[in-house]
Protein backbone atom coordinates (compact mmCIF):
# COMPACT_ATOMS: atom_id res chain seq x y z
CA MET A 1 -29.66 -6.00 41.46
CA CYS A 2 -29.09 -7.05 37.89
CA SER A 3 -30.64 -9.88 36.51
CA LEU A 4 -28.15 -12.36 34.81
CA SER A 5 -30.45 -12.42 31.71
CA LEU A 6 -29.60 -8.81 30.82
CA LEU A 7 -25.95 -9.55 30.82
CA THR A 8 -25.99 -12.35 28.52
CA THR A 9 -26.74 -12.37 24.45
CA GLY A 10 -29.82 -13.79 23.04
CA LYS A 11 -30.38 -16.43 20.61
CA SER A 12 -28.49 -14.65 17.79
CA VAL A 13 -25.43 -12.94 18.14
CA VAL A 14 -24.00 -10.58 15.51
CA ILE A 15 -20.43 -9.39 15.26
CA LEU A 16 -19.70 -6.17 13.58
CA ASN A 17 -16.35 -5.15 12.32
CA ASN A 18 -16.15 -1.57 12.91
CA MET A 19 -12.33 -1.37 13.09
CA LYS A 20 -11.08 1.41 10.83
CA ALA A 21 -8.21 1.89 8.38
CA ALA A 22 -4.93 2.49 10.22
CA GLU A 23 -2.28 4.39 8.62
CA LEU A 24 0.94 2.70 9.01
CA LEU A 25 3.27 4.77 6.91
CA ARG A 26 3.21 8.10 5.37
CA ARG A 27 6.68 9.78 4.30
CA ARG A 28 8.33 11.86 1.78
CA ALA A 29 12.01 10.86 1.11
CA PRO A 30 14.20 13.30 -0.81
CA TYR A 31 16.76 11.55 -3.17
CA SER A 32 18.37 14.43 -4.76
CA ASP A 33 17.67 18.04 -5.50
CA VAL A 34 15.29 16.79 -8.29
CA SER A 35 13.78 13.35 -6.88
CA PHE A 36 11.76 12.26 -4.05
CA ALA A 37 9.89 9.02 -3.19
CA GLU A 38 6.37 9.25 -1.52
CA LEU A 39 5.20 6.28 0.60
CA VAL A 40 1.75 5.69 1.74
CA LEU A 41 0.57 2.51 3.53
CA TRP A 42 -2.64 1.52 5.32
CA ARG A 43 -4.07 -1.51 6.99
CA LEU A 44 -7.44 -2.00 6.17
CA PRO A 45 -10.05 -4.06 7.94
CA THR A 46 -10.62 -6.44 4.85
CA ALA A 47 -8.62 -6.93 1.73
CA LEU A 48 -9.48 -4.84 -1.35
CA ALA A 49 -11.51 -6.43 -4.08
CA GLY A 50 -8.55 -7.65 -6.42
CA SER A 51 -5.89 -7.89 -3.44
CA ALA A 52 -5.33 -10.93 -1.13
CA HIS A 53 -4.19 -8.86 1.62
CA PRO A 54 -5.58 -6.41 4.00
CA TYR A 55 -3.08 -3.39 2.76
CA LYS A 56 -3.70 -0.29 0.38
CA TYR A 57 -0.61 1.48 -0.58
CA ARG A 58 0.91 3.81 -2.97
CA LEU A 59 4.64 4.24 -3.40
CA ALA A 60 5.72 6.85 -5.98
CA TYR A 61 9.27 7.87 -7.32
CA VAL A 62 9.21 11.24 -8.70
CA VAL A 63 12.25 12.85 -10.88
CA ASN A 64 11.96 16.26 -12.46
CA GLY A 65 8.31 16.54 -11.51
CA LEU A 66 7.36 13.10 -13.33
CA CYS A 67 6.50 10.14 -11.59
CA VAL A 68 8.72 7.27 -12.99
CA LEU A 69 7.61 4.79 -10.72
CA ARG A 70 4.74 3.73 -8.71
CA TYR A 71 3.54 0.68 -6.93
CA ASP A 72 -0.36 0.70 -5.84
CA ASN A 73 -3.31 -1.13 -5.58
CA GLU A 74 -6.77 -0.18 -6.56
CA SER A 75 -10.29 -1.68 -5.77
CA GLY A 76 -11.00 -4.22 -8.53
CA LYS A 77 -7.74 -3.68 -10.14
CA GLY A 78 -5.23 -5.31 -7.39
CA ASP A 79 -1.55 -4.93 -6.93
CA HIS A 80 0.38 -3.49 -9.71
CA ARG A 81 3.45 -1.60 -10.60
CA HIS A 82 3.84 1.44 -13.09
CA PHE A 83 7.68 1.53 -14.46
CA ARG A 84 8.54 4.67 -16.78
CA GLY A 85 5.04 4.48 -18.13
CA LYS A 86 4.40 0.75 -18.39
CA GLU A 87 1.85 -0.87 -16.21
CA SER A 88 2.46 -4.62 -15.15
CA ARG A 89 0.98 -6.83 -12.15
CA TYR A 90 2.85 -7.03 -8.93
CA ASN A 91 2.82 -10.23 -6.91
CA PHE A 92 2.30 -8.96 -3.48
CA GLU A 93 3.84 -11.27 -0.94
CA SER A 94 4.51 -8.92 2.00
CA VAL A 95 5.00 -5.23 3.01
CA ASP A 96 8.77 -5.64 3.38
CA LYS A 97 9.29 -7.23 0.07
CA LEU A 98 7.05 -4.61 -1.40
CA LEU A 99 9.22 -1.97 0.05
CA ALA A 100 12.37 -3.85 -1.26
CA SER A 101 11.15 -4.06 -4.77
CA PHE A 102 10.34 -0.32 -4.67
CA GLN A 103 13.58 0.56 -3.53
CA ARG A 104 15.29 -2.22 -5.97
CA ASP A 105 13.35 -0.27 -8.98
CA ILE A 106 14.52 3.24 -7.46
CA VAL A 107 18.11 2.06 -7.90
CA ARG A 108 17.71 0.90 -11.35
CA ILE A 109 16.25 3.87 -12.37
CA ASP A 110 18.82 6.05 -11.01
CA ARG A 111 21.66 3.79 -12.45
CA GLU A 112 19.88 3.90 -15.92
CA ASP A 113 19.49 7.78 -15.84
CA SER A 114 23.24 8.24 -14.85
CA ASP A 115 24.45 6.10 -17.57
CA ALA A 116 22.24 7.65 -20.30
């Protein structure tokens, strides 16, 4: 027979979070013969330094072998966007809004390139 004292915790309780990062999205989507988007999104157990959310992401749009658009967050650097070589902060609100912003910028780039 098992003693109840062996089944209960002692005076100290420790909670360990050993949840691993979970990949939510990994996709390469062709847009044309010369362009594609690559989307990578992870849910982390805790937020990266510089971010207020539990996601790690890298969304890139490549045209003729050059990355013309990238949304990403690096530990310590936070959420930001690279648009045609210029970097700016990005205000992350949700994954859906991130994907919508990325798609809107792709449309803008394609429109600007077709007008040129």
